[in-house]
Amino acid sequence: MKAAFYEVQGSARDVLKVGELPIPEPGPDEVRVRIHVSGLNPTDVKARTGFSADMPYPRIIPHQDGAGVIDAVGANVSPERLGERVWVYEAQYGQATGTAAEFVVVPSRQAVHLPDTVSFEVGASLGIPALTAHHCLCSDGRLEGRRVLIHGGAGVVGTAAILLAKWAGAWVATTVMNAEQAAVAKENGADLVLDRTSEDIATNIMKMTEGFGVDRIVDVALKDNLDINLACLSQGGVISAYATSSASDELSIPLLKAMKHGCVLRFVYIYNVSNEFKKAAIEDINSCLESGCYLPKIGLNMPLQNIAEAHEALESSKIIGKVLIHM
């Protein structure tokens, strides 16, 4: 099969190769998916560059997310799954082979039914972003009628959070960095879009919520945003942080202010979230898909041969929307 891989960590152009590798066979409780589209995430870039860990395997086929069709099943998996359209998540977590290949083998539960009305491009955009957004938003009960602040509303997790929160009936505020990002956030349905470079985020949110503040905050840069968050968080509100700019980042918390809010501070690393929570998330994500409410922006489509260029585009932070690799 044709696959992209790297054998040392480093820059995309230096280490990513495309070549022929053996087609994998599914074991018990596994399925093999013929990948149509592979989704690229920041976590894939971090793994390639050694952000927080050395090479765990001699050779890695990258990418956690993708979409395609099941073409083989292992023992204990119903043959009725053959030919099923699926979206795949965490394909490369805990193993050396991800979705940047014509075929990937994953546990059957990690190949999720993709409705016929949903494209492979959207399917490959789910996975890590949608699961992360759902866990940040929904770990504390229903969203209907809640007020939510989503930092980085034009990013892939921010986009997923806006789409899921609006589908669930929440009022959504989001922050962006420029007019182009603002347009994407508005298109995704955000009720209030604030430019963090020129507007007072907390003051505007408190005004728009009549002094109540927001119940839940989804944060891509907690170290930068903590003071803003505490200034517009409702009593008993929840702050969920899912990313860090450096593996050595540390956070100083104004404890008394946080205590007075009665706030919950949650750190989300989606790979360690239990399968029980993920199962509930997947049900909601697919319901959102079937309703037609999950339409993320696709920022770049590239062939597998140009995977290094796709990685570089993501790292440049100039692309708004999901970066996808087509087989």
C-alpha atoms as a PDB file:
ATOM      1  CA  MET A   1       0.000   0.000   0.000  1.00  0.00           C
ATOM      2  CA  LYS A   2       1.049   3.603  -0.446  1.00  0.00           C
ATOM      3  CA  ALA A   3       1.767   5.298   2.891  1.00  0.00           C
ATOM      4  CA  ALA A   4       3.501   8.306   4.394  1.00  0.00           C
ATOM      5  CA  PHE A   5       5.905   7.654   7.255  1.00  0.00           C
ATOM      6  CA  TYR A   6       8.877   8.955   9.212  1.00  0.00           C
ATOM      7  CA  GLU A   7      11.722   7.109  10.946  1.00  0.00           C
ATOM      8  CA  VAL A   8      13.242  10.052  12.829  1.00  0.00           C
ATOM      9  CA  GLN A   9      11.646  13.148  14.300  1.00  0.00           C
ATOM     10  CA  GLY A  10      12.216  16.505  12.694  1.00  0.00           C
ATOM     11  CA  SER A  11      10.879  18.999  10.184  1.00  0.00           C
ATOM     12  CA  ALA A  12       8.221  17.791   7.755  1.00  0.00           C
ATOM     13  CA  ARG A  13      10.295  18.221   4.609  1.00  0.00           C
ATOM     14  CA  ASP A  14      13.296  16.473   6.196  1.00  0.00           C
ATOM     15  CA  VAL A  15      11.651  13.374   7.669  1.00  0.00           C
ATOM     16  CA  LEU A  16       8.330  12.605   5.952  1.00  0.00           C
ATOM     17  CA  LYS A  17       8.548  10.048   3.157  1.00  0.00           C
ATOM     18  CA  VAL A  18       5.978   8.391   0.906  1.00  0.00           C
ATOM     19  CA  GLY A  19       6.473   4.816  -0.222  1.00  0.00           C
ATOM     20  CA  GLU A  20       5.097   1.290  -0.442  1.00  0.00           C
ATOM     21  CA  LEU A  21       4.487  -0.690   2.757  1.00  0.00           C
ATOM     22  CA  PRO A  22       2.735  -4.040   3.420  1.00  0.00           C
ATOM     23  CA  ILE A  23      -1.046  -3.984   3.747  1.00  0.00           C
ATOM     24  CA  PRO A  24      -1.938  -4.701   7.413  1.00  0.00           C
ATOM     25  CA  GLU A  25      -4.316  -7.484   8.475  1.00  0.00           C
ATOM     26  CA  PRO A  26      -6.908  -7.035  11.242  1.00  0.00           C
ATOM     27  CA  GLY A  27      -6.615  -9.090  14.423  1.00  0.00           C
ATOM     28  CA  PRO A  28      -9.377 -10.026  16.874  1.00  0.00           C
ATOM     29  CA  ASP A  29     -11.837  -7.177  17.541  1.00  0.00           C
ATOM     30  CA  GLU A  30     -10.227  -5.082  14.798  1.00  0.00           C
ATOM     31  CA  VAL A  31     -11.263  -3.772  11.394  1.00  0.00           C
ATOM     32  CA  ARG A  32      -9.254  -2.641   8.410  1.00  0.00           C
ATOM     33  CA  VAL A  33     -10.326   0.621   6.828  1.00  0.00           C
ATOM     34  CA  ARG A  34      -9.482   1.663   3.301  1.00  0.00           C
ATOM     35  CA  ILE A  35      -8.791   5.343   3.918  1.00  0.00           C
ATOM     36  CA  HIS A  36     -10.244   7.886   1.520  1.00  0.00           C
ATOM     37  CA  VAL A  37      -9.297  11.015   3.476  1.00  0.00           C
ATOM     38  CA  SER A  38      -6.853  11.497   6.368  1.00  0.00           C
ATOM     39  CA  GLY A  39      -7.242  14.411   8.791  1.00  0.00           C
ATOM     40  CA  LEU A  40      -4.195  16.317  10.051  1.00  0.00           C
ATOM     41  CA  ASN A  41      -4.182  17.689  13.614  1.00  0.00           C
ATOM     42  CA  PRO A  42      -1.688  19.728  15.660  1.00  0.00           C
ATOM     43  CA  THR A  43      -1.122  16.603  17.773  1.00  0.00           C
ATOM     44  CA  ASP A  44       0.278  14.864  14.669  1.00  0.00           C
ATOM     45  CA  VAL A  45       2.765  17.689  14.162  1.00  0.00           C
ATOM     46  CA  LYS A  46       3.766  17.543  17.828  1.00  0.00           C
ATOM     47  CA  ALA A  47       4.432  13.802  17.583  1.00  0.00           C
ATOM     48  CA  ARG A  48       6.590  14.279  14.483  1.00  0.00           C
ATOM     49  CA  THR A  49       8.626  17.098  16.036  1.00  0.00           C
ATOM     50  CA  GLY A  50       9.143  15.424  19.429  1.00  0.00           C
ATOM     51  CA  PHE A  51       7.075  18.014  21.312  1.00  0.00           C
ATOM     52  CA  SER A  52       6.868  15.905  24.477  1.00  0.00           C
ATOM     53  CA  ALA A  53       8.249  12.448  23.682  1.00  0.00           C
ATOM     54  CA  ASP A  54      10.894  10.650  21.636  1.00  0.00           C
ATOM     55  CA  MET A  55      10.095   8.203  18.816  1.00  0.00           C
ATOM     56  CA  PRO A  56       8.078   5.363  20.381  1.00  0.00           C
ATOM     57  CA  TYR A  57       8.475   3.114  17.309  1.00  0.00           C
ATOM     58  CA  PRO A  58      11.176   2.686  14.625  1.00  0.00           C
ATOM     59  CA  ARG A  59       8.757   3.857  11.917  1.00  0.00           C
ATOM     60  CA  ILE A  60       5.527   5.831  12.271  1.00  0.00           C
ATOM     61  CA  ILE A  61       2.686   6.281   9.802  1.00  0.00           C
ATOM     62  CA  PRO A  62       1.170   9.510  11.179  1.00  0.00           C
ATOM     63  CA  HIS A  63      -2.336  10.917  11.727  1.00  0.00           C
ATOM     64  CA  GLN A  64      -5.010   9.997  14.230  1.00  0.00           C
ATOM     65  CA  ASP A  65      -8.153  10.804  12.227  1.00  0.00           C
ATOM     66  CA  GLY A  66      -9.570   9.743   8.902  1.00  0.00           C
ATOM     67  CA  ALA A  67     -12.554   8.407   6.994  1.00  0.00           C
ATOM     68  CA  GLY A  68     -13.093   5.545   4.599  1.00  0.00           C
ATOM     69  CA  VAL A  69     -14.702   2.127   4.151  1.00  0.00           C
ATOM     70  CA  ILE A  70     -14.204  -1.076   6.140  1.00  0.00           C
ATOM     71  CA  ASP A  71     -12.786  -3.706   3.789  1.00  0.00           C
ATOM     72  CA  ALA A  72     -11.756  -6.467   6.237  1.00  0.00           C
ATOM     73  CA  VAL A  73     -12.727  -7.555   9.757  1.00  0.00           C
ATOM     74  CA  GLY A  74     -11.010  -9.651  12.398  1.00  0.00           C
ATOM     75  CA  ALA A  75     -12.407 -12.308  14.699  1.00  0.00           C
ATOM     76  CA  ASN A  76     -15.335 -11.219  16.906  1.00  0.00           C
ATOM     77  CA  VAL A  77     -16.362  -8.467  14.466  1.00  0.00           C
ATOM     78  CA  SER A  78     -19.575  -8.915  12.480  1.00  0.00           C
ATOM     79  CA  PRO A  79     -18.985  -9.391   8.736  1.00  0.00           C
ATOM     80  CA  GLU A  80     -21.952  -7.056   8.287  1.00  0.00           C
ATOM     81  CA  ARG A  81     -19.489  -4.224   8.884  1.00  0.00           C
ATOM     82  CA  LEU A  82     -17.795  -4.956   5.554  1.00  0.00           C
ATOM     83  CA  GLY A  83     -18.432  -2.053   3.183  1.00  0.00           C
ATOM     84  CA  GLU A  84     -19.494   0.288   5.990  1.00  0.00           C
ATOM     85  CA  ARG A  85     -18.534   3.955   5.660  1.00  0.00           C
ATOM     86  CA  VAL A  86     -16.765   5.064   8.850  1.00  0.00           C
ATOM     87  CA  TRP A  87     -14.870   7.867  10.524  1.00  0.00           C
ATOM     88  CA  VAL A  88     -11.787   6.846  12.470  1.00  0.00           C
ATOM     89  CA  TYR A  89     -10.303   8.364  15.618  1.00  0.00           C
ATOM     90  CA  GLU A  90      -7.054   7.809  17.564  1.00  0.00           C
ATOM     91  CA  ALA A  91      -5.755   5.497  14.853  1.00  0.00           C
ATOM     92  CA  GLN A  92      -2.095   6.094  15.656  1.00  0.00           C
ATOM     93  CA  TYR A  93      -2.421   6.360  19.431  1.00  0.00           C
ATOM     94  CA  GLY A  94      -0.652   3.428  21.084  1.00  0.00           C
ATOM     95  CA  GLN A  95       0.529   1.981  17.778  1.00  0.00           C
ATOM     96  CA  ALA A  96       2.859   2.846  14.921  1.00  0.00           C
ATOM     97  CA  THR A  97       0.291   3.084  12.132  1.00  0.00           C
ATOM     98  CA  GLY A  98      -2.114   5.953  11.517  1.00  0.00           C
ATOM     99  CA  THR A  99      -4.390   7.108   8.715  1.00  0.00           C
ATOM    100  CA  ALA A 100      -1.785   8.611   6.347  1.00  0.00           C
ATOM    101  CA  ALA A 101      -1.948   5.416   4.305  1.00  0.00           C
ATOM    102  CA  GLU A 102      -4.296   3.614   1.962  1.00  0.00           C
ATOM    103  CA  PHE A 103      -5.205   1.168   4.754  1.00  0.00           C
ATOM    104  CA  VAL A 104      -5.224   1.272   8.548  1.00  0.00           C
ATOM    105  CA  VAL A 105      -6.194  -1.309  11.182  1.00  0.00           C
ATOM    106  CA  VAL A 106      -7.947  -0.082  14.334  1.00  0.00           C
ATOM    107  CA  PRO A 107     -10.116  -1.525  17.114  1.00  0.00           C
ATOM    108  CA  SER A 108     -13.653  -1.899  15.821  1.00  0.00           C
ATOM    109  CA  ARG A 109     -15.018   0.710  18.270  1.00  0.00           C
ATOM    110  CA  GLN A 110     -12.676   3.335  16.771  1.00  0.00           C
ATOM    111  CA  ALA A 111     -14.266   2.968  13.333  1.00  0.00           C
ATOM    112  CA  VAL A 112     -17.548   4.832  13.773  1.00  0.00           C
ATOM    113  CA  HIS A 113     -20.465   4.682  11.356  1.00  0.00           C
ATOM    114  CA  LEU A 114     -20.458   7.656   8.982  1.00  0.00           C
ATOM    115  CA  PRO A 115     -23.943   8.596   7.728  1.00  0.00           C
ATOM    116  CA  ASP A 116     -24.385   8.273   3.974  1.00  0.00           C
ATOM    117  CA  THR A 117     -25.234  11.970   3.731  1.00  0.00           C
ATOM    118  CA  VAL A 118     -21.876  13.011   5.231  1.00  0.00           C
ATOM    119  CA  SER A 119     -18.771  13.331   3.055  1.00  0.00           C
ATOM    120  CA  PHE A 120     -15.459  11.621   3.775  1.00  0.00           C
ATOM    121  CA  GLU A 121     -13.965  15.127   4.090  1.00  0.00           C
ATOM    122  CA  VAL A 122     -16.269  15.947   6.999  1.00  0.00           C
ATOM    123  CA  GLY A 123     -15.731  12.464   8.435  1.00  0.00           C
ATOM    124  CA  ALA A 124     -11.965  12.980   8.479  1.00  0.00           C
ATOM    125  CA  SER A 125     -12.508  16.320  10.251  1.00  0.00           C
ATOM    126  CA  LEU A 126     -14.172  14.714  13.286  1.00  0.00           C
ATOM    127  CA  GLY A 127     -12.006  12.528  15.522  1.00  0.00           C
ATOM    128  CA  ILE A 128      -9.754  14.432  17.917  1.00  0.00           C
ATOM    129  CA  PRO A 129     -11.314  17.908  17.409  1.00  0.00           C
ATOM    130  CA  ALA A 130     -14.928  16.809  17.842  1.00  0.00           C
ATOM    131  CA  LEU A 131     -14.232  14.446  20.750  1.00  0.00           C
ATOM    132  CA  THR A 132     -12.139  17.086  22.520  1.00  0.00           C
ATOM    133  CA  ALA A 133     -14.749  19.786  22.007  1.00  0.00           C
ATOM    134  CA  HIS A 134     -17.542  17.533  23.244  1.00  0.00           C
ATOM    135  CA  HIS A 135     -15.659  16.568  26.406  1.00  0.00           C
ATOM    136  CA  CYS A 136     -14.896  20.207  27.179  1.00  0.00           C
ATOM    137  CA  LEU A 137     -18.506  21.227  26.638  1.00  0.00           C
ATOM    138  CA  CYS A 138     -20.587  18.344  27.919  1.00  0.00           C
ATOM    139  CA  SER A 139     -18.816  16.730  30.872  1.00  0.00           C
ATOM    140  CA  ASP A 140     -20.971  18.748  33.275  1.00  0.00           C
ATOM    141  CA  GLY A 141     -24.441  18.083  31.937  1.00  0.00           C
ATOM    142  CA  ARG A 142     -26.709  19.403  29.220  1.00  0.00           C
ATOM    143  CA  LEU A 143     -25.825  22.517  27.239  1.00  0.00           C
ATOM    144  CA  GLU A 144     -29.326  23.704  26.358  1.00  0.00           C
ATOM    145  CA  GLY A 145     -29.817  27.221  27.674  1.00  0.00           C
ATOM    146  CA  ARG A 146     -26.217  27.508  28.873  1.00  0.00           C
ATOM    147  CA  ARG A 147     -23.808  30.317  28.009  1.00  0.00           C
ATOM    148  CA  VAL A 148     -20.481  29.234  26.547  1.00  0.00           C
ATOM    149  CA  LEU A 149     -17.210  31.014  25.708  1.00  0.00           C
ATOM    150  CA  ILE A 150     -14.937  29.304  23.180  1.00  0.00           C
ATOM    151  CA  HIS A 151     -11.453  30.717  22.744  1.00  0.00           C
ATOM    152  CA  GLY A 152      -9.942  30.312  19.279  1.00  0.00           C
ATOM    153  CA  GLY A 153     -13.253  29.965  17.496  1.00  0.00           C
ATOM    154  CA  ALA A 154     -11.688  29.563  14.039  1.00  0.00           C
ATOM    155  CA  GLY A 155      -9.415  26.663  15.046  1.00  0.00           C
ATOM    156  CA  VAL A 156     -10.403  23.059  14.431  1.00  0.00           C
ATOM    157  CA  VAL A 157     -11.392  22.379  18.058  1.00  0.00           C
ATOM    158  CA  GLY A 158     -12.938  25.832  18.365  1.00  0.00           C
ATOM    159  CA  THR A 159     -14.992  25.218  15.232  1.00  0.00           C
ATOM    160  CA  ALA A 160     -16.119  21.813  16.517  1.00  0.00           C
ATOM    161  CA  ALA A 161     -17.074  23.381  19.851  1.00  0.00           C
ATOM    162  CA  ILE A 162     -19.161  26.120  18.212  1.00  0.00           C
ATOM    163  CA  LEU A 163     -20.972  23.648  15.952  1.00  0.00           C
ATOM    164  CA  LEU A 164     -21.715  21.191  18.773  1.00  0.00           C
ATOM    165  CA  ALA A 165     -22.697  23.881  21.277  1.00  0.00           C
ATOM    166  CA  LYS A 166     -25.140  25.563  18.874  1.00  0.00           C
ATOM    167  CA  TRP A 167     -26.620  22.176  17.934  1.00  0.00           C
ATOM    168  CA  ALA A 168     -27.129  21.490  21.653  1.00  0.00           C
ATOM    169  CA  GLY A 169     -28.942  24.785  22.249  1.00  0.00           C
ATOM    170  CA  ALA A 170     -26.281  26.947  23.921  1.00  0.00           C
ATOM    171  CA  TRP A 171     -25.562  30.658  23.542  1.00  0.00           C
ATOM    172  CA  VAL A 172     -22.017  30.917  22.199  1.00  0.00           C
ATOM    173  CA  ALA A 173     -19.396  33.638  22.410  1.00  0.00           C
ATOM    174  CA  THR A 174     -16.007  33.136  20.812  1.00  0.00           C
ATOM    175  CA  THR A 175     -12.685  34.917  20.425  1.00  0.00           C
ATOM    176  CA  VAL A 176     -10.701  35.342  17.208  1.00  0.00           C
ATOM    177  CA  MET A 177      -7.592  37.198  16.023  1.00  0.00           C
ATOM    178  CA  ASN A 178      -8.681  38.857  12.759  1.00  0.00           C
ATOM    179  CA  ALA A 179     -11.560  39.562  10.393  1.00  0.00           C
ATOM    180  CA  GLU A 180     -11.091  36.373   8.366  1.00  0.00           C
ATOM    181  CA  GLN A 181     -11.339  34.234  11.497  1.00  0.00           C
ATOM    182  CA  ALA A 182     -14.347  36.262  12.618  1.00  0.00           C
ATOM    183  CA  ALA A 183     -16.167  35.500   9.368  1.00  0.00           C
ATOM    184  CA  VAL A 184     -15.612  31.754   9.855  1.00  0.00           C
ATOM    185  CA  ALA A 185     -16.829  31.863  13.457  1.00  0.00           C
ATOM    186  CA  LYS A 186     -19.969  33.765  12.458  1.00  0.00           C
ATOM    187  CA  GLU A 187     -20.638  31.328   9.630  1.00  0.00           C
ATOM    188  CA  ASN A 188     -20.401  28.482  12.149  1.00  0.00           C
ATOM    189  CA  GLY A 189     -23.154  30.117  14.204  1.00  0.00           C
ATOM    190  CA  ALA A 190     -21.432  31.947  17.079  1.00  0.00           C
ATOM    191  CA  ASP A 191     -23.763  34.490  18.692  1.00  0.00           C
ATOM    192  CA  LEU A 192     -20.982  36.862  19.747  1.00  0.00           C
ATOM    193  CA  VAL A 193     -17.591  37.083  18.008  1.00  0.00           C
ATOM    194  CA  LEU A 194     -14.889  39.155  19.719  1.00  0.00           C
ATOM    195  CA  ASP A 195     -11.489  40.148  18.355  1.00  0.00           C
ATOM    196  CA  ARG A 196      -9.087  39.601  21.222  1.00  0.00           C
ATOM    197  CA  THR A 197      -6.563  42.010  19.673  1.00  0.00           C
ATOM    198  CA  SER A 198      -8.874  45.017  19.915  1.00  0.00           C
ATOM    199  CA  GLU A 199     -11.830  44.283  22.209  1.00  0.00           C
ATOM    200  CA  ASP A 200     -12.290  43.831  25.957  1.00  0.00           C
ATOM    201  CA  ILE A 201     -13.461  40.218  26.037  1.00  0.00           C
ATOM    202  CA  ALA A 202     -14.683  39.999  29.625  1.00  0.00           C
ATOM    203  CA  THR A 203     -16.476  43.366  29.623  1.00  0.00           C
ATOM    204  CA  ASN A 204     -18.340  42.565  26.413  1.00  0.00           C
ATOM    205  CA  ILE A 205     -19.386  39.133  27.653  1.00  0.00           C
ATOM    206  CA  MET A 206     -20.619  40.433  31.001  1.00  0.00           C
ATOM    207  CA  LYS A 207     -22.635  43.077  29.145  1.00  0.00           C
ATOM    208  CA  MET A 208     -24.170  40.582  26.719  1.00  0.00           C
ATOM    209  CA  THR A 209     -25.050  38.138  29.527  1.00  0.00           C
ATOM    210  CA  GLU A 210     -26.531  40.896  31.747  1.00  0.00           C
ATOM    211  CA  GLY A 211     -23.841  40.364  34.347  1.00  0.00           C
ATOM    212  CA  PHE A 212     -24.261  36.598  34.674  1.00  0.00           C
ATOM    213  CA  GLY A 213     -21.156  35.567  32.743  1.00  0.00           C
ATOM    214  CA  VAL A 214     -20.623  32.274  30.949  1.00  0.00           C
ATOM    215  CA  ASP A 215     -21.221  28.816  32.396  1.00  0.00           C
ATOM    216  CA  ARG A 216     -18.520  27.000  30.437  1.00  0.00           C
ATOM    217  CA  ILE A 217     -15.289  28.032  28.790  1.00  0.00           C
ATOM    218  CA  VAL A 218     -13.369  26.000  26.202  1.00  0.00           C
ATOM    219  CA  ASP A 219      -9.778  27.208  26.188  1.00  0.00           C
ATOM    220  CA  VAL A 220      -6.898  26.621  23.770  1.00  0.00           C
ATOM    221  CA  ALA A 221      -4.470  28.901  25.669  1.00  0.00           C
ATOM    222  CA  LEU A 222      -5.342  28.896  29.370  1.00  0.00           C
ATOM    223  CA  LYS A 223      -2.054  30.473  30.449  1.00  0.00           C
ATOM    224  CA  ASP A 224      -2.877  33.561  28.368  1.00  0.00           C
ATOM    225  CA  ASN A 225      -6.600  33.620  29.116  1.00  0.00           C
ATOM    226  CA  LEU A 226      -7.017  32.782  32.804  1.00  0.00           C
ATOM    227  CA  ASP A 227      -7.575  36.371  33.967  1.00  0.00           C
ATOM    228  CA  ILE A 228     -10.110  36.952  31.172  1.00  0.00           C
ATOM    229  CA  ASN A 229     -11.874  33.707  32.050  1.00  0.00           C
ATOM    230  CA  LEU A 230     -12.219  34.498  35.748  1.00  0.00           C
ATOM    231  CA  ALA A 231     -13.514  37.966  34.892  1.00  0.00           C
ATOM    232  CA  CYS A 232     -16.464  36.592  32.887  1.00  0.00           C
ATOM    233  CA  LEU A 233     -17.143  33.177  34.443  1.00  0.00           C
ATOM    234  CA  SER A 234     -20.459  32.581  36.191  1.00  0.00           C
ATOM    235  CA  GLN A 235     -20.681  31.288  39.733  1.00  0.00           C
ATOM    236  CA  GLY A 236     -19.826  27.576  39.647  1.00  0.00           C
ATOM    237  CA  GLY A 237     -18.694  27.778  36.037  1.00  0.00           C
ATOM    238  CA  VAL A 238     -16.303  25.361  34.350  1.00  0.00           C
ATOM    239  CA  ILE A 239     -13.078  26.134  32.476  1.00  0.00           C
ATOM    240  CA  SER A 240     -11.815  23.297  30.250  1.00  0.00           C
ATOM    241  CA  ALA A 241      -8.283  23.594  28.845  1.00  0.00           C
ATOM    242  CA  TYR A 242      -7.166  21.238  26.090  1.00  0.00           C
ATOM    243  CA  ALA A 243      -3.861  22.567  24.717  1.00  0.00           C
ATOM    244  CA  THR A 244      -0.513  24.033  25.687  1.00  0.00           C
ATOM    245  CA  SER A 245       2.062  25.856  23.607  1.00  0.00           C
ATOM    246  CA  SER A 246       4.997  24.188  25.344  1.00  0.00           C
ATOM    247  CA  ALA A 247       5.467  20.854  27.090  1.00  0.00           C
ATOM    248  CA  SER A 248       7.045  22.736  30.013  1.00  0.00           C
ATOM    249  CA  ASP A 249       4.286  25.352  30.459  1.00  0.00           C
ATOM    250  CA  GLU A 250       3.211  26.016  34.040  1.00  0.00           C
ATOM    251  CA  LEU A 251       0.235  27.944  35.401  1.00  0.00           C
ATOM    252  CA  SER A 252      -0.105  30.295  38.366  1.00  0.00           C
ATOM    253  CA  ILE A 253      -3.689  30.412  39.681  1.00  0.00           C
ATOM    254  CA  PRO A 254      -5.198  33.223  41.806  1.00  0.00           C
ATOM    255  CA  LEU A 255      -6.683  30.785  44.286  1.00  0.00           C
ATOM    256  CA  LEU A 256      -8.950  33.129  46.234  1.00  0.00           C
ATOM    257  CA  LYS A 257     -10.528  34.537  43.082  1.00  0.00           C
ATOM    258  CA  ALA A 258     -11.079  31.017  41.739  1.00  0.00           C
ATOM    259  CA  MET A 259     -12.538  29.880  45.062  1.00  0.00           C
ATOM    260  CA  LYS A 260     -14.963  32.796  45.154  1.00  0.00           C
ATOM    261  CA  HIS A 261     -16.182  31.767  41.702  1.00  0.00           C
ATOM    262  CA  GLY A 262     -16.596  28.187  42.919  1.00  0.00           C
ATOM    263  CA  CYS A 263     -15.190  27.320  39.530  1.00  0.00           C
ATOM    264  CA  VAL A 264     -14.060  23.978  38.148  1.00  0.00           C
ATOM    265  CA  LEU A 265     -10.782  23.860  36.242  1.00  0.00           C
ATOM    266  CA  ARG A 266     -10.559  20.820  33.950  1.00  0.00           C
ATOM    267  CA  PHE A 267      -7.586  19.732  31.871  1.00  0.00           C
ATOM    268  CA  VAL A 268      -8.526  17.625  28.852  1.00  0.00           C
ATOM    269  CA  TYR A 269      -6.200  15.139  27.176  1.00  0.00           C
ATOM    270  CA  ILE A 270      -8.642  13.273  24.986  1.00  0.00           C
ATOM    271  CA  TYR A 271      -6.520  10.138  24.613  1.00  0.00           C
ATOM    272  CA  ASN A 272      -6.912   9.403  28.347  1.00  0.00           C
ATOM    273  CA  VAL A 273     -10.667   9.999  28.477  1.00  0.00           C
ATOM    274  CA  SER A 274     -12.578   6.783  29.184  1.00  0.00           C
ATOM    275  CA  ASN A 275     -14.305   4.820  26.435  1.00  0.00           C
ATOM    276  CA  GLU A 276     -17.593   5.360  28.293  1.00  0.00           C
ATOM    277  CA  PHE A 277     -17.329   9.128  27.841  1.00  0.00           C
ATOM    278  CA  LYS A 278     -16.203   8.723  24.235  1.00  0.00           C
ATOM    279  CA  LYS A 279     -19.163   6.474  23.462  1.00  0.00           C
ATOM    280  CA  ALA A 280     -21.560   9.149  24.719  1.00  0.00           C
ATOM    281  CA  ALA A 281     -19.671  11.800  22.748  1.00  0.00           C
ATOM    282  CA  ILE A 282     -19.841   9.746  19.552  1.00  0.00           C
ATOM    283  CA  GLU A 283     -23.620   9.401  19.894  1.00  0.00           C
ATOM    284  CA  ASP A 284     -23.990  13.180  20.127  1.00  0.00           C
ATOM    285  CA  ILE A 285     -21.507  13.850  17.325  1.00  0.00           C
ATOM    286  CA  ASN A 286     -23.321  11.500  14.955  1.00  0.00           C
ATOM    287  CA  SER A 287     -26.688  12.991  15.919  1.00  0.00           C
ATOM    288  CA  CYS A 288     -25.273  16.422  15.098  1.00  0.00           C
ATOM    289  CA  LEU A 289     -23.974  15.053  11.779  1.00  0.00           C
ATOM    290  CA  GLU A 290     -27.334  13.527  10.885  1.00  0.00           C
ATOM    291  CA  SER A 291     -29.100  16.816  11.654  1.00  0.00           C
ATOM    292  CA  GLY A 292     -26.913  18.572   9.084  1.00  0.00           C
ATOM    293  CA  CYS A 293     -25.503  20.949  11.714  1.00  0.00           C
ATOM    294  CA  TYR A 294     -21.871  19.816  11.544  1.00  0.00           C
ATOM    295  CA  LEU A 295     -20.262  21.505   8.553  1.00  0.00           C
ATOM    296  CA  PRO A 296     -16.663  22.455   9.410  1.00  0.00           C
ATOM    297  CA  LYS A 297     -14.581  24.643   7.124  1.00  0.00           C
ATOM    298  CA  ILE A 298     -12.055  22.724   5.039  1.00  0.00           C
ATOM    299  CA  GLY A 299      -8.942  24.846   4.754  1.00  0.00           C
ATOM    300  CA  LEU A 300      -6.698  22.719   2.535  1.00  0.00           C
ATOM    301  CA  ASN A 301      -6.930  19.510   0.496  1.00  0.00           C
ATOM    302  CA  MET A 302      -3.685  17.816  -0.535  1.00  0.00           C
ATOM    303  CA  PRO A 303      -2.702  14.482  -2.110  1.00  0.00           C
ATOM    304  CA  LEU A 304      -0.692  12.029  -0.001  1.00  0.00           C
ATOM    305  CA  GLN A 305       2.390  12.727  -2.098  1.00  0.00           C
ATOM    306  CA  ASN A 306       2.381  16.303  -0.772  1.00  0.00           C
ATOM    307  CA  ILE A 307       1.992  15.444   2.913  1.00  0.00           C
ATOM    308  CA  ALA A 308       5.092  17.430   3.907  1.00  0.00           C
ATOM    309  CA  GLU A 309       3.594  20.538   2.344  1.00  0.00           C
ATOM    310  CA  ALA A 310       0.339  19.915   4.236  1.00  0.00           C
ATOM    311  CA  HIS A 311       2.214  19.643   7.546  1.00  0.00           C
ATOM    312  CA  GLU A 312       4.069  22.859   6.804  1.00  0.00           C
ATOM    313  CA  ALA A 313       0.810  24.619   5.984  1.00  0.00           C
ATOM    314  CA  LEU A 314      -0.683  23.592   9.319  1.00  0.00           C
ATOM    315  CA  GLU A 315       2.437  24.669  11.197  1.00  0.00           C
ATOM    316  CA  SER A 316       2.377  28.068   9.498  1.00  0.00           C
ATOM    317  CA  SER A 317      -0.935  28.894  11.251  1.00  0.00           C
ATOM    318  CA  LYS A 318      -2.038  30.611   8.028  1.00  0.00           C
ATOM    319  CA  ILE A 319      -4.657  27.997   7.128  1.00  0.00           C
ATOM    320  CA  ILE A 320      -8.141  28.502   8.559  1.00  0.00           C
ATOM    321  CA  GLY A 321      -9.999  25.205   8.602  1.00  0.00           C
ATOM    322  CA  LYS A 322      -9.155  21.534   8.476  1.00  0.00           C
ATOM    323  CA  VAL A 323      -6.107  20.283   6.572  1.00  0.00           C
ATOM    324  CA  LEU A 324      -6.904  17.026   4.755  1.00  0.00           C
ATOM    325  CA  ILE A 325      -4.870  14.438   2.879  1.00  0.00           C
ATOM    326  CA  HIS A 326      -6.528  12.491   0.060  1.00  0.00           C
ATOM    327  CA  MET A 327      -5.397   8.979  -0.890  1.00  0.00           C
END
